[in-house]
N, C-alpha and C. Protein backbone atom coordinates (compact mmCIF):
# COMPACT_ATOMS: atom_id res chain seq x y z
N MET A 1 -21.05 -4.20 8.82
CA MET A 1 -20.48 -4.60 10.11
C MET A 1 -21.32 -4.04 11.24
N ASN A 2 -21.52 -4.86 12.25
CA ASN A 2 -22.23 -4.41 13.45
C ASN A 2 -21.21 -4.16 14.55
N PRO A 3 -20.86 -2.89 14.81
CA PRO A 3 -19.84 -2.59 15.82
C PRO A 3 -20.25 -3.01 17.22
N GLU A 4 -21.56 -3.18 17.43
CA GLU A 4 -22.03 -3.59 18.76
C GLU A 4 -21.62 -5.02 19.10
N LEU A 5 -21.17 -5.75 18.10
CA LEU A 5 -20.67 -7.11 18.35
C LEU A 5 -19.16 -7.11 18.57
N ILE A 6 -18.53 -5.95 18.38
CA ILE A 6 -17.07 -5.87 18.50
C ILE A 6 -16.61 -4.90 19.59
N LEU A 7 -17.05 -3.65 19.53
CA LEU A 7 -16.54 -2.63 20.43
C LEU A 7 -16.83 -2.91 21.91
N PRO A 8 -18.03 -3.37 22.28
CA PRO A 8 -18.27 -3.66 23.70
C PRO A 8 -17.32 -4.73 24.24
N PHE A 9 -17.02 -5.75 23.44
CA PHE A 9 -16.07 -6.76 23.90
C PHE A 9 -14.69 -6.15 24.11
N LEU A 10 -14.27 -5.29 23.19
CA LEU A 10 -12.95 -4.67 23.32
C LEU A 10 -12.89 -3.74 24.53
N LYS A 11 -13.98 -3.05 24.81
CA LYS A 11 -14.03 -2.21 26.02
C LYS A 11 -13.91 -3.07 27.27
N ALA A 12 -14.58 -4.21 27.24
CA ALA A 12 -14.57 -5.10 28.41
C ALA A 12 -13.19 -5.70 28.64
N ILE A 13 -12.53 -6.12 27.57
CA ILE A 13 -11.22 -6.75 27.75
C ILE A 13 -10.17 -5.73 28.18
N ALA A 14 -10.38 -4.47 27.83
CA ALA A 14 -9.46 -3.43 28.29
C ALA A 14 -9.51 -3.29 29.81
N LYS A 15 -10.68 -3.58 30.38
CA LYS A 15 -10.85 -3.48 31.84
C LYS A 15 -10.55 -4.80 32.55
N ASN A 16 -10.56 -5.88 31.80
CA ASN A 16 -10.39 -7.22 32.39
C ASN A 16 -9.35 -8.01 31.61
N ASN A 17 -8.16 -7.46 31.52
CA ASN A 17 -7.14 -8.05 30.65
C ASN A 17 -6.37 -9.15 31.39
N ASN A 18 -7.06 -10.28 31.56
CA ASN A 18 -6.44 -11.43 32.23
C ASN A 18 -7.04 -12.71 31.66
N ARG A 19 -6.32 -13.78 31.81
CA ARG A 19 -6.72 -15.05 31.17
C ARG A 19 -8.00 -15.63 31.77
N GLU A 20 -8.19 -15.46 33.05
CA GLU A 20 -9.39 -16.02 33.68
C GLU A 20 -10.64 -15.38 33.10
N TRP A 21 -10.65 -14.05 32.99
CA TRP A 21 -11.81 -13.37 32.43
C TRP A 21 -11.99 -13.76 30.96
N PHE A 22 -10.91 -13.83 30.23
CA PHE A 22 -11.01 -14.14 28.80
C PHE A 22 -11.62 -15.52 28.58
N GLU A 23 -11.17 -16.50 29.36
CA GLU A 23 -11.70 -17.86 29.19
C GLU A 23 -13.19 -17.92 29.50
N LYS A 24 -13.62 -17.17 30.51
CA LYS A 24 -15.04 -17.15 30.87
C LYS A 24 -15.88 -16.47 29.79
N ASN A 25 -15.26 -15.54 29.08
CA ASN A 25 -15.99 -14.76 28.08
C ASN A 25 -15.58 -15.08 26.64
N LYS A 26 -14.97 -16.24 26.46
CA LYS A 26 -14.50 -16.61 25.13
C LYS A 26 -15.61 -16.67 24.10
N PRO A 27 -16.83 -17.11 24.45
CA PRO A 27 -17.90 -17.09 23.45
C PRO A 27 -18.16 -15.69 22.89
N LYS A 28 -18.05 -14.65 23.74
CA LYS A 28 -18.23 -13.28 23.27
C LYS A 28 -17.09 -12.88 22.33
N TYR A 29 -15.89 -13.35 22.66
CA TYR A 29 -14.75 -13.07 21.80
C TYR A 29 -14.95 -13.72 20.43
N LEU A 30 -15.43 -14.95 20.40
CA LEU A 30 -15.61 -15.65 19.14
C LEU A 30 -16.67 -14.97 18.27
N VAL A 31 -17.70 -14.41 18.89
CA VAL A 31 -18.71 -13.66 18.15
C VAL A 31 -18.08 -12.40 17.54
N ALA A 32 -17.30 -11.69 18.37
CA ALA A 32 -16.64 -10.47 17.89
C ALA A 32 -15.65 -10.79 16.77
N LYS A 33 -14.91 -11.87 16.94
CA LYS A 33 -13.92 -12.28 15.94
C LYS A 33 -14.61 -12.61 14.62
N ALA A 34 -15.71 -13.34 14.68
CA ALA A 34 -16.44 -13.71 13.47
C ALA A 34 -17.00 -12.48 12.76
N GLU A 35 -17.50 -11.52 13.54
CA GLU A 35 -18.03 -10.30 12.95
C GLU A 35 -16.91 -9.50 12.28
N PHE A 36 -15.75 -9.46 12.91
CA PHE A 36 -14.61 -8.74 12.33
C PHE A 36 -14.16 -9.42 11.04
N GLU A 37 -14.13 -10.73 11.01
CA GLU A 37 -13.73 -11.45 9.81
C GLU A 37 -14.72 -11.21 8.67
N ASN A 38 -16.02 -11.18 8.99
CA ASN A 38 -17.02 -10.89 7.96
C ASN A 38 -16.84 -9.48 7.41
N PHE A 39 -16.49 -8.57 8.30
CA PHE A 39 -16.18 -7.19 7.90
C PHE A 39 -14.99 -7.17 6.94
N LEU A 40 -13.97 -7.98 7.21
CA LEU A 40 -12.79 -8.04 6.35
C LEU A 40 -13.14 -8.58 4.97
N VAL A 41 -14.04 -9.52 4.92
CA VAL A 41 -14.49 -10.05 3.62
C VAL A 41 -15.13 -8.94 2.79
N ASP A 42 -16.01 -8.16 3.43
CA ASP A 42 -16.68 -7.07 2.72
C ASP A 42 -15.68 -5.99 2.31
N LEU A 43 -14.74 -5.69 3.20
CA LEU A 43 -13.74 -4.67 2.88
C LEU A 43 -12.85 -5.13 1.73
N HIS A 44 -12.45 -6.38 1.76
CA HIS A 44 -11.62 -6.92 0.68
C HIS A 44 -12.31 -6.78 -0.67
N GLY A 45 -13.61 -7.01 -0.66
CA GLY A 45 -14.37 -6.87 -1.90
C GLY A 45 -14.30 -5.46 -2.47
N GLU A 46 -14.21 -4.46 -1.61
CA GLU A 46 -14.07 -3.08 -2.06
C GLU A 46 -12.64 -2.77 -2.49
N LEU A 47 -11.66 -3.31 -1.75
CA LEU A 47 -10.26 -3.01 -2.04
C LEU A 47 -9.83 -3.52 -3.41
N ILE A 48 -10.28 -4.70 -3.76
CA ILE A 48 -9.82 -5.28 -5.02
C ILE A 48 -10.43 -4.58 -6.25
N LYS A 49 -11.35 -3.67 -6.02
CA LYS A 49 -11.90 -2.89 -7.13
C LYS A 49 -10.85 -1.93 -7.69
N PHE A 50 -9.88 -1.54 -6.85
CA PHE A 50 -8.84 -0.62 -7.33
C PHE A 50 -7.43 -1.12 -7.07
N ASP A 51 -7.30 -2.23 -6.31
CA ASP A 51 -5.97 -2.79 -6.05
C ASP A 51 -6.03 -4.30 -6.34
N VAL A 52 -5.84 -4.65 -7.60
CA VAL A 52 -5.99 -6.05 -8.01
C VAL A 52 -4.91 -6.95 -7.42
N GLY A 53 -3.83 -6.36 -6.92
CA GLY A 53 -2.78 -7.16 -6.31
C GLY A 53 -3.22 -7.89 -5.06
N LEU A 54 -4.38 -7.50 -4.52
CA LEU A 54 -4.90 -8.13 -3.30
C LEU A 54 -5.91 -9.23 -3.61
N ALA A 55 -6.16 -9.47 -4.88
CA ALA A 55 -7.26 -10.36 -5.27
C ALA A 55 -7.11 -11.78 -4.76
N GLY A 56 -5.88 -12.27 -4.65
CA GLY A 56 -5.68 -13.67 -4.26
C GLY A 56 -5.71 -13.94 -2.77
N LEU A 57 -5.95 -12.91 -1.97
CA LEU A 57 -5.92 -13.08 -0.51
C LEU A 57 -7.19 -13.72 0.03
N ASN A 58 -7.05 -14.43 1.14
CA ASN A 58 -8.20 -14.87 1.92
C ASN A 58 -8.37 -13.84 3.03
N PRO A 59 -9.35 -12.95 2.92
CA PRO A 59 -9.45 -11.83 3.87
C PRO A 59 -9.58 -12.26 5.32
N LYS A 60 -10.19 -13.41 5.57
CA LYS A 60 -10.36 -13.84 6.95
C LYS A 60 -9.02 -14.20 7.61
N LYS A 61 -8.01 -14.44 6.80
CA LYS A 61 -6.69 -14.78 7.34
C LYS A 61 -5.79 -13.56 7.46
N MET A 62 -6.31 -12.39 7.17
CA MET A 62 -5.49 -11.17 7.24
C MET A 62 -5.53 -10.52 8.62
N SER A 63 -6.38 -11.04 9.51
CA SER A 63 -6.46 -10.45 10.85
C SER A 63 -5.29 -10.90 11.71
N PHE A 64 -4.93 -10.04 12.66
CA PHE A 64 -3.86 -10.35 13.59
C PHE A 64 -4.43 -10.96 14.87
N ARG A 65 -3.65 -11.82 15.49
CA ARG A 65 -4.10 -12.49 16.71
C ARG A 65 -4.35 -11.48 17.83
N ILE A 66 -5.31 -11.80 18.69
CA ILE A 66 -5.59 -10.93 19.83
C ILE A 66 -4.60 -11.15 20.95
N TYR A 67 -3.85 -12.24 20.86
CA TYR A 67 -2.89 -12.57 21.92
C TYR A 67 -1.61 -11.75 21.73
N ARG A 68 -1.18 -11.08 22.77
CA ARG A 68 0.02 -10.26 22.71
C ARG A 68 1.27 -11.10 22.93
N ASP A 69 2.36 -10.72 22.28
CA ASP A 69 3.66 -11.33 22.53
C ASP A 69 4.32 -10.52 23.65
N VAL A 70 4.35 -11.10 24.83
CA VAL A 70 4.84 -10.35 26.01
C VAL A 70 6.27 -10.75 26.39
N ARG A 71 6.92 -11.55 25.56
CA ARG A 71 8.25 -12.07 25.92
C ARG A 71 9.26 -10.97 26.19
N PHE A 72 9.24 -9.92 25.40
CA PHE A 72 10.24 -8.87 25.53
C PHE A 72 9.60 -7.53 25.92
N SER A 73 8.42 -7.59 26.50
CA SER A 73 7.70 -6.37 26.85
C SER A 73 7.52 -6.24 28.37
N LYS A 74 7.63 -5.01 28.84
CA LYS A 74 7.36 -4.76 30.26
C LYS A 74 5.87 -4.84 30.54
N ASP A 75 5.07 -4.61 29.52
CA ASP A 75 3.62 -4.70 29.63
C ASP A 75 3.23 -6.17 29.46
N LYS A 76 2.82 -6.80 30.52
CA LYS A 76 2.53 -8.24 30.50
C LYS A 76 1.04 -8.56 30.30
N ARG A 77 0.25 -7.56 29.92
CA ARG A 77 -1.15 -7.87 29.64
C ARG A 77 -1.22 -8.87 28.48
N PRO A 78 -1.97 -9.94 28.64
CA PRO A 78 -1.94 -11.01 27.62
C PRO A 78 -2.71 -10.73 26.33
N TYR A 79 -3.61 -9.73 26.34
CA TYR A 79 -4.47 -9.54 25.18
C TYR A 79 -4.43 -8.11 24.65
N LYS A 80 -4.57 -8.00 23.35
CA LYS A 80 -4.70 -6.68 22.74
C LYS A 80 -6.09 -6.12 23.05
N VAL A 81 -6.22 -4.82 22.98
CA VAL A 81 -7.52 -4.18 23.23
C VAL A 81 -8.08 -3.62 21.92
N ASN A 82 -7.64 -4.19 20.81
CA ASN A 82 -8.11 -3.80 19.49
C ASN A 82 -8.20 -5.03 18.61
N MET A 83 -8.81 -4.86 17.47
CA MET A 83 -8.78 -5.88 16.42
C MET A 83 -8.18 -5.24 15.18
N GLY A 84 -7.20 -5.92 14.59
CA GLY A 84 -6.52 -5.34 13.45
C GLY A 84 -6.28 -6.35 12.35
N ALA A 85 -6.06 -5.84 11.15
CA ALA A 85 -5.78 -6.70 10.00
C ALA A 85 -4.93 -5.93 9.00
N GLY A 86 -4.10 -6.66 8.27
CA GLY A 86 -3.25 -6.04 7.26
C GLY A 86 -3.46 -6.65 5.89
N PHE A 87 -3.62 -5.82 4.89
CA PHE A 87 -3.79 -6.27 3.51
C PHE A 87 -2.60 -5.83 2.67
N SER A 88 -1.89 -6.77 2.09
CA SER A 88 -0.84 -6.50 1.12
C SER A 88 -0.76 -7.70 0.19
N PRO A 89 -0.14 -7.57 -0.98
CA PRO A 89 -0.19 -8.66 -1.97
C PRO A 89 0.21 -10.04 -1.47
N LYS A 90 1.19 -10.11 -0.58
CA LYS A 90 1.64 -11.42 -0.09
C LYS A 90 1.03 -11.80 1.25
N GLY A 91 0.27 -10.90 1.83
CA GLY A 91 -0.34 -11.25 3.12
C GLY A 91 -0.49 -10.08 4.05
N LYS A 92 0.24 -10.08 5.16
CA LYS A 92 0.02 -9.11 6.23
C LYS A 92 1.09 -8.03 6.31
N MET A 93 1.47 -7.47 5.17
CA MET A 93 2.36 -6.32 5.13
C MET A 93 3.78 -6.64 5.62
N GLU A 94 4.24 -7.86 5.41
CA GLU A 94 5.60 -8.22 5.77
C GLU A 94 6.57 -7.74 4.70
N GLN A 95 7.28 -6.68 4.99
CA GLN A 95 8.25 -6.10 4.06
C GLN A 95 7.65 -5.75 2.70
N GLU A 96 6.42 -5.28 2.72
CA GLU A 96 5.80 -4.76 1.51
C GLU A 96 4.70 -3.78 1.93
N PRO A 97 4.48 -2.76 1.11
CA PRO A 97 3.46 -1.77 1.46
C PRO A 97 2.05 -2.35 1.38
N GLY A 98 1.16 -1.80 2.20
CA GLY A 98 -0.21 -2.28 2.22
C GLY A 98 -1.09 -1.38 3.07
N TYR A 99 -2.20 -1.94 3.54
CA TYR A 99 -3.20 -1.20 4.30
C TYR A 99 -3.44 -1.92 5.63
N TYR A 100 -3.47 -1.17 6.71
CA TYR A 100 -3.72 -1.75 8.03
C TYR A 100 -4.97 -1.10 8.63
N ILE A 101 -5.95 -1.94 9.00
CA ILE A 101 -7.17 -1.45 9.63
C ILE A 101 -7.14 -1.82 11.11
N HIS A 102 -7.46 -0.86 11.95
CA HIS A 102 -7.36 -1.00 13.40
C HIS A 102 -8.66 -0.53 14.02
N LEU A 103 -9.39 -1.44 14.67
CA LEU A 103 -10.63 -1.07 15.35
C LEU A 103 -10.40 -1.08 16.86
N GLN A 104 -10.71 0.04 17.49
CA GLN A 104 -10.53 0.18 18.94
C GLN A 104 -11.54 1.19 19.46
N PRO A 105 -12.19 0.88 20.57
CA PRO A 105 -13.22 1.79 21.11
C PRO A 105 -12.66 3.14 21.52
N ASN A 106 -13.58 4.04 21.86
CA ASN A 106 -13.24 5.37 22.35
C ASN A 106 -12.52 6.20 21.28
N ASN A 107 -12.98 6.04 20.05
CA ASN A 107 -12.51 6.86 18.93
C ASN A 107 -11.02 6.67 18.62
N GLU A 108 -10.52 5.46 18.85
CA GLU A 108 -9.11 5.18 18.59
C GLU A 108 -8.91 4.27 17.39
N SER A 109 -9.91 4.17 16.55
CA SER A 109 -9.77 3.36 15.34
C SER A 109 -9.07 4.17 14.25
N PHE A 110 -8.40 3.47 13.35
CA PHE A 110 -7.73 4.18 12.26
C PHE A 110 -7.40 3.24 11.11
N LEU A 111 -7.10 3.84 9.98
CA LEU A 111 -6.58 3.13 8.81
C LEU A 111 -5.18 3.67 8.57
N ALA A 112 -4.21 2.80 8.52
CA ALA A 112 -2.83 3.22 8.23
C ALA A 112 -2.33 2.46 7.02
N GLY A 113 -1.35 3.02 6.36
CA GLY A 113 -0.80 2.33 5.21
C GLY A 113 0.58 2.82 4.87
N GLY A 114 1.20 2.12 3.93
CA GLY A 114 2.58 2.41 3.58
C GLY A 114 3.44 1.22 3.93
N LEU A 115 4.67 1.48 4.35
CA LEU A 115 5.61 0.41 4.70
C LEU A 115 6.21 0.70 6.06
N TYR A 116 5.96 -0.19 7.01
CA TYR A 116 6.43 -0.04 8.38
C TYR A 116 7.76 -0.77 8.57
N MET A 117 8.77 -0.05 9.05
CA MET A 117 10.07 -0.61 9.40
C MET A 117 10.63 -1.54 8.32
N PRO A 118 10.87 -1.04 7.11
CA PRO A 118 11.52 -1.88 6.09
C PRO A 118 12.91 -2.28 6.57
N ASP A 119 13.39 -3.44 6.11
CA ASP A 119 14.73 -3.87 6.50
C ASP A 119 15.76 -2.95 5.85
N ALA A 120 17.02 -3.14 6.21
CA ALA A 120 18.08 -2.23 5.76
C ALA A 120 18.15 -2.13 4.25
N SER A 121 18.00 -3.26 3.56
CA SER A 121 18.09 -3.27 2.11
C SER A 121 16.94 -2.47 1.48
N ASN A 122 15.72 -2.73 1.93
CA ASN A 122 14.56 -2.03 1.38
C ASN A 122 14.57 -0.54 1.74
N LEU A 123 15.02 -0.23 2.95
CA LEU A 123 15.09 1.17 3.35
C LEU A 123 16.07 1.93 2.46
N ALA A 124 17.20 1.30 2.16
CA ALA A 124 18.19 1.93 1.28
C ALA A 124 17.61 2.17 -0.11
N LYS A 125 16.83 1.21 -0.62
CA LYS A 125 16.21 1.35 -1.94
C LYS A 125 15.21 2.49 -1.97
N ILE A 126 14.43 2.61 -0.89
CA ILE A 126 13.43 3.68 -0.84
C ILE A 126 14.12 5.04 -0.78
N ARG A 127 15.14 5.14 0.05
CA ARG A 127 15.87 6.41 0.14
C ARG A 127 16.51 6.78 -1.21
N GLN A 128 17.02 5.78 -1.89
CA GLN A 128 17.61 6.03 -3.21
C GLN A 128 16.56 6.54 -4.18
N GLU A 129 15.39 5.94 -4.15
CA GLU A 129 14.30 6.36 -5.04
C GLU A 129 13.86 7.79 -4.71
N LEU A 130 13.79 8.11 -3.43
CA LEU A 130 13.42 9.47 -3.02
C LEU A 130 14.48 10.48 -3.48
N ASP A 131 15.72 10.04 -3.48
CA ASP A 131 16.82 10.90 -3.91
C ASP A 131 16.78 11.11 -5.43
N TYR A 132 16.51 10.03 -6.17
CA TYR A 132 16.52 10.09 -7.63
C TYR A 132 15.24 10.69 -8.21
N ASN A 133 14.11 10.37 -7.60
CA ASN A 133 12.82 10.77 -8.17
C ASN A 133 11.94 11.49 -7.14
N PRO A 134 12.42 12.56 -6.57
CA PRO A 134 11.63 13.25 -5.54
C PRO A 134 10.33 13.84 -6.08
N ALA A 135 10.33 14.22 -7.36
CA ALA A 135 9.14 14.85 -7.93
C ALA A 135 7.93 13.92 -7.89
N ASP A 136 8.16 12.63 -8.14
CA ASP A 136 7.05 11.67 -8.14
C ASP A 136 6.44 11.55 -6.74
N PHE A 137 7.30 11.44 -5.74
CA PHE A 137 6.81 11.30 -4.36
C PHE A 137 6.16 12.61 -3.90
N ASN A 138 6.76 13.71 -4.25
CA ASN A 138 6.22 15.02 -3.86
C ASN A 138 4.81 15.21 -4.42
N LYS A 139 4.62 14.78 -5.67
CA LYS A 139 3.31 14.91 -6.31
C LYS A 139 2.26 14.10 -5.56
N ILE A 140 2.65 12.93 -5.07
CA ILE A 140 1.72 12.05 -4.34
C ILE A 140 1.32 12.67 -3.01
N ILE A 141 2.30 13.00 -2.19
CA ILE A 141 1.98 13.42 -0.82
C ILE A 141 1.47 14.86 -0.73
N ASN A 142 1.64 15.62 -1.80
CA ASN A 142 1.11 16.99 -1.81
C ASN A 142 -0.14 17.13 -2.66
N ASN A 143 -0.67 15.99 -3.11
CA ASN A 143 -1.96 15.99 -3.78
C ASN A 143 -3.02 16.51 -2.79
N LYS A 144 -3.90 17.34 -3.25
CA LYS A 144 -4.89 17.97 -2.38
C LYS A 144 -5.72 16.94 -1.58
N ASN A 145 -6.21 15.93 -2.27
CA ASN A 145 -7.03 14.92 -1.60
C ASN A 145 -6.19 14.11 -0.60
N PHE A 146 -4.94 13.82 -0.97
CA PHE A 146 -4.05 13.08 -0.06
C PHE A 146 -3.82 13.88 1.22
N LYS A 147 -3.57 15.15 1.09
CA LYS A 147 -3.30 15.98 2.26
C LYS A 147 -4.54 16.14 3.13
N MET A 148 -5.70 16.17 2.52
CA MET A 148 -6.95 16.25 3.30
C MET A 148 -7.22 14.95 4.04
N THR A 149 -6.89 13.83 3.39
CA THR A 149 -7.13 12.51 3.99
C THR A 149 -6.12 12.18 5.07
N PHE A 150 -4.88 12.60 4.85
CA PHE A 150 -3.79 12.33 5.80
C PHE A 150 -3.14 13.64 6.22
N PRO A 151 -3.84 14.45 6.99
CA PRO A 151 -3.37 15.81 7.31
C PRO A 151 -2.05 15.85 8.08
N LYS A 152 -1.70 14.78 8.78
CA LYS A 152 -0.45 14.77 9.53
C LYS A 152 0.75 14.39 8.65
N GLY A 153 0.47 13.94 7.43
CA GLY A 153 1.54 13.53 6.54
C GLY A 153 2.24 12.28 7.02
N LEU A 154 3.49 12.10 6.62
CA LEU A 154 4.25 10.92 7.03
C LEU A 154 4.45 10.91 8.54
N ASP A 155 4.19 9.76 9.13
CA ASP A 155 4.38 9.62 10.57
C ASP A 155 5.87 9.63 10.88
N SER A 156 6.27 10.48 11.80
CA SER A 156 7.70 10.62 12.12
C SER A 156 8.09 9.95 13.43
N PHE A 157 7.32 8.94 13.86
CA PHE A 157 7.56 8.33 15.17
C PHE A 157 8.93 7.67 15.31
N ASP A 158 9.55 7.27 14.21
CA ASP A 158 10.84 6.58 14.32
C ASP A 158 11.91 7.22 13.43
N SER A 159 11.75 8.49 13.13
CA SER A 159 12.70 9.16 12.24
C SER A 159 14.06 9.37 12.91
N LEU A 160 15.09 9.41 12.08
CA LEU A 160 16.43 9.73 12.56
C LEU A 160 16.49 11.21 12.96
N LYS A 161 17.40 11.52 13.85
CA LYS A 161 17.57 12.91 14.27
C LYS A 161 18.52 13.67 13.35
N THR A 162 19.28 12.93 12.57
CA THR A 162 20.22 13.55 11.65
C THR A 162 20.15 12.85 10.29
N ALA A 163 20.95 13.28 9.35
CA ALA A 163 20.92 12.69 8.01
C ALA A 163 21.40 11.25 8.03
N PRO A 164 20.77 10.36 7.26
CA PRO A 164 21.26 8.99 7.17
C PRO A 164 22.61 8.95 6.46
N LYS A 165 23.35 7.91 6.73
CA LYS A 165 24.69 7.78 6.15
C LYS A 165 24.62 7.85 4.63
N GLY A 166 25.51 8.66 4.06
CA GLY A 166 25.58 8.77 2.61
C GLY A 166 24.81 9.94 2.04
N TYR A 167 24.08 10.69 2.89
CA TYR A 167 23.29 11.82 2.42
C TYR A 167 23.70 13.09 3.19
N PRO A 168 23.83 14.21 2.51
CA PRO A 168 24.21 15.45 3.18
C PRO A 168 23.09 16.00 4.06
N LYS A 169 23.47 16.70 5.10
CA LYS A 169 22.48 17.28 6.02
C LYS A 169 21.62 18.33 5.34
N ASP A 170 22.15 18.92 4.27
CA ASP A 170 21.39 19.96 3.58
C ASP A 170 20.68 19.44 2.33
N HIS A 171 20.49 18.12 2.28
CA HIS A 171 19.75 17.53 1.15
C HIS A 171 18.36 18.18 1.09
N PRO A 172 17.88 18.55 -0.10
CA PRO A 172 16.58 19.24 -0.19
C PRO A 172 15.41 18.43 0.35
N HIS A 173 15.56 17.12 0.44
CA HIS A 173 14.47 16.28 0.96
C HIS A 173 14.94 15.47 2.16
N ILE A 174 15.76 16.11 2.98
CA ILE A 174 16.34 15.39 4.11
C ILE A 174 15.29 14.87 5.09
N GLU A 175 14.18 15.58 5.24
CA GLU A 175 13.15 15.12 6.18
C GLU A 175 12.53 13.81 5.72
N TRP A 176 12.38 13.60 4.43
CA TRP A 176 11.91 12.30 3.92
C TRP A 176 12.95 11.23 4.21
N LEU A 177 14.21 11.55 3.93
CA LEU A 177 15.29 10.57 4.04
C LEU A 177 15.54 10.13 5.48
N LYS A 178 15.15 10.94 6.43
CA LYS A 178 15.34 10.58 7.84
C LYS A 178 14.39 9.47 8.29
N HIS A 179 13.33 9.27 7.55
CA HIS A 179 12.33 8.28 7.97
C HIS A 179 12.88 6.87 7.90
N LYS A 180 12.47 6.05 8.88
CA LYS A 180 12.78 4.62 8.88
C LYS A 180 11.52 3.81 8.56
N SER A 181 10.38 4.47 8.59
CA SER A 181 9.11 3.91 8.13
C SER A 181 8.44 4.96 7.26
N PHE A 182 7.59 4.50 6.36
CA PHE A 182 6.88 5.42 5.48
C PHE A 182 5.39 5.11 5.61
N VAL A 183 4.78 5.76 6.60
CA VAL A 183 3.42 5.42 7.01
C VAL A 183 2.59 6.69 7.17
N VAL A 184 1.34 6.61 6.72
CA VAL A 184 0.36 7.67 6.97
C VAL A 184 -0.87 7.02 7.59
N SER A 185 -1.70 7.82 8.26
CA SER A 185 -2.88 7.25 8.91
C SER A 185 -4.06 8.21 8.89
N HIS A 186 -5.23 7.62 9.00
CA HIS A 186 -6.48 8.38 9.01
C HIS A 186 -7.35 7.84 10.14
N SER A 187 -7.78 8.70 11.04
CA SER A 187 -8.54 8.27 12.22
C SER A 187 -10.03 8.15 11.93
N PHE A 188 -10.69 7.29 12.69
CA PHE A 188 -12.14 7.12 12.60
C PHE A 188 -12.75 7.16 14.00
N SER A 189 -13.87 7.82 14.12
CA SER A 189 -14.59 7.86 15.39
C SER A 189 -15.50 6.64 15.53
N ASP A 190 -15.95 6.39 16.74
CA ASP A 190 -16.90 5.28 16.96
C ASP A 190 -18.17 5.51 16.15
N LYS A 191 -18.57 6.77 16.01
CA LYS A 191 -19.77 7.10 15.25
C LYS A 191 -19.59 6.73 13.78
N GLU A 192 -18.41 6.99 13.24
CA GLU A 192 -18.15 6.64 11.84
C GLU A 192 -18.16 5.14 11.63
N ILE A 193 -17.64 4.39 12.61
CA ILE A 193 -17.64 2.93 12.50
C ILE A 193 -19.06 2.39 12.42
N ALA A 194 -19.98 3.04 13.13
CA ALA A 194 -21.37 2.57 13.16
C ALA A 194 -22.14 2.95 11.89
N ASP A 195 -21.57 3.81 11.07
CA ASP A 195 -22.23 4.26 9.85
C ASP A 195 -22.28 3.12 8.82
N LYS A 196 -23.38 3.01 8.13
CA LYS A 196 -23.52 1.95 7.13
C LYS A 196 -22.53 2.09 5.98
N ALA A 197 -22.03 3.31 5.79
CA ALA A 197 -21.09 3.55 4.70
C ALA A 197 -19.64 3.40 5.13
N PHE A 198 -19.41 2.85 6.32
CA PHE A 198 -18.05 2.78 6.87
C PHE A 198 -17.08 2.04 5.95
N ILE A 199 -17.49 0.89 5.44
CA ILE A 199 -16.60 0.10 4.60
C ILE A 199 -16.21 0.87 3.34
N LYS A 200 -17.15 1.52 2.73
CA LYS A 200 -16.84 2.30 1.53
C LYS A 200 -15.95 3.49 1.87
N LYS A 201 -16.10 4.03 3.07
CA LYS A 201 -15.26 5.15 3.48
C LYS A 201 -13.82 4.69 3.68
N ILE A 202 -13.63 3.53 4.31
CA ILE A 202 -12.29 2.98 4.47
C ILE A 202 -11.67 2.73 3.10
N ALA A 203 -12.45 2.14 2.21
CA ALA A 203 -11.94 1.85 0.87
C ALA A 203 -11.52 3.13 0.15
N SER A 204 -12.26 4.20 0.35
CA SER A 204 -11.92 5.47 -0.26
C SER A 204 -10.59 5.99 0.27
N VAL A 205 -10.37 5.84 1.57
CA VAL A 205 -9.10 6.25 2.18
C VAL A 205 -7.96 5.42 1.60
N CYS A 206 -8.18 4.12 1.46
CA CYS A 206 -7.16 3.24 0.90
C CYS A 206 -6.84 3.60 -0.55
N LYS A 207 -7.87 3.96 -1.30
CA LYS A 207 -7.67 4.32 -2.70
C LYS A 207 -6.80 5.57 -2.80
N THR A 208 -7.00 6.51 -1.89
CA THR A 208 -6.18 7.72 -1.85
C THR A 208 -4.73 7.39 -1.51
N LEU A 209 -4.57 6.37 -0.68
CA LEU A 209 -3.24 5.94 -0.23
C LEU A 209 -2.47 5.14 -1.30
N LYS A 210 -3.19 4.49 -2.19
CA LYS A 210 -2.57 3.54 -3.12
C LYS A 210 -1.38 4.11 -3.91
N PRO A 211 -1.44 5.34 -4.43
CA PRO A 211 -0.26 5.84 -5.16
C PRO A 211 1.03 5.83 -4.33
N MET A 212 0.94 6.11 -3.04
CA MET A 212 2.13 6.04 -2.20
C MET A 212 2.61 4.61 -2.07
N ASN A 213 1.67 3.68 -1.89
CA ASN A 213 2.04 2.27 -1.84
C ASN A 213 2.71 1.82 -3.14
N ASP A 214 2.18 2.29 -4.25
CA ASP A 214 2.75 1.93 -5.55
C ASP A 214 4.18 2.45 -5.69
N PHE A 215 4.41 3.67 -5.22
CA PHE A 215 5.75 4.26 -5.27
C PHE A 215 6.72 3.43 -4.45
N LEU A 216 6.32 3.05 -3.23
CA LEU A 216 7.18 2.27 -2.34
C LEU A 216 7.42 0.87 -2.90
N ALA A 217 6.37 0.26 -3.47
CA ALA A 217 6.51 -1.08 -4.03
C ALA A 217 7.48 -1.07 -5.21
N ALA A 218 7.40 -0.05 -6.04
CA ALA A 218 8.31 0.06 -7.19
C ALA A 218 9.75 0.27 -6.71
N ALA A 219 9.91 1.00 -5.62
CA ALA A 219 11.25 1.29 -5.11
C ALA A 219 11.96 0.04 -4.62
N ILE A 220 11.22 -0.88 -4.02
CA ILE A 220 11.85 -2.06 -3.44
C ILE A 220 11.78 -3.29 -4.35
N ALA A 221 11.18 -3.13 -5.51
CA ALA A 221 11.03 -4.27 -6.43
C ALA A 221 12.38 -4.77 -6.91
């Protein structure tokens, strides 16, 4: 991947987030989009080496639109200032665990994975699995390599402040059970993105994440 075909455009749109500028610079966007899609093809080739469930995907269709949905947002900027894509067996991580790649200038790129905002039924299944089989999950998230790769652990951005219904406040794994999403992330600098080994590095992060995805997938199956 050539980040010089992607990051400068994203920097520019962050400063000129309006339709008039975008239409005038659409050829630059199309170049950046094509480069990102080619990157996804190469990344997919690495991912399926250890996650065969992704084999049937068309990687170019895993990217998310640059157009923002502003219908219910106070932020009316029409365009995202990043390029992102989601890989999961059925597509773009809709109610199933997977991997999300996010490219954004100024060292704000990252790889995230797990299951974001499962519906009530799936959330209940995951909590039940954590209650019944905590040792399996504990082994995954306390693995030395996992902790080095995801030093912040589970993201707690949407956790409950108290115990979920049906679980005691003194449950030994109450902090896990409070989560409404089960997501971890690994940041990348702009320098890392420019490295020729970037794709293999992302794949390595995803491989480390896969056992957690497998646990979540089994829980909601």
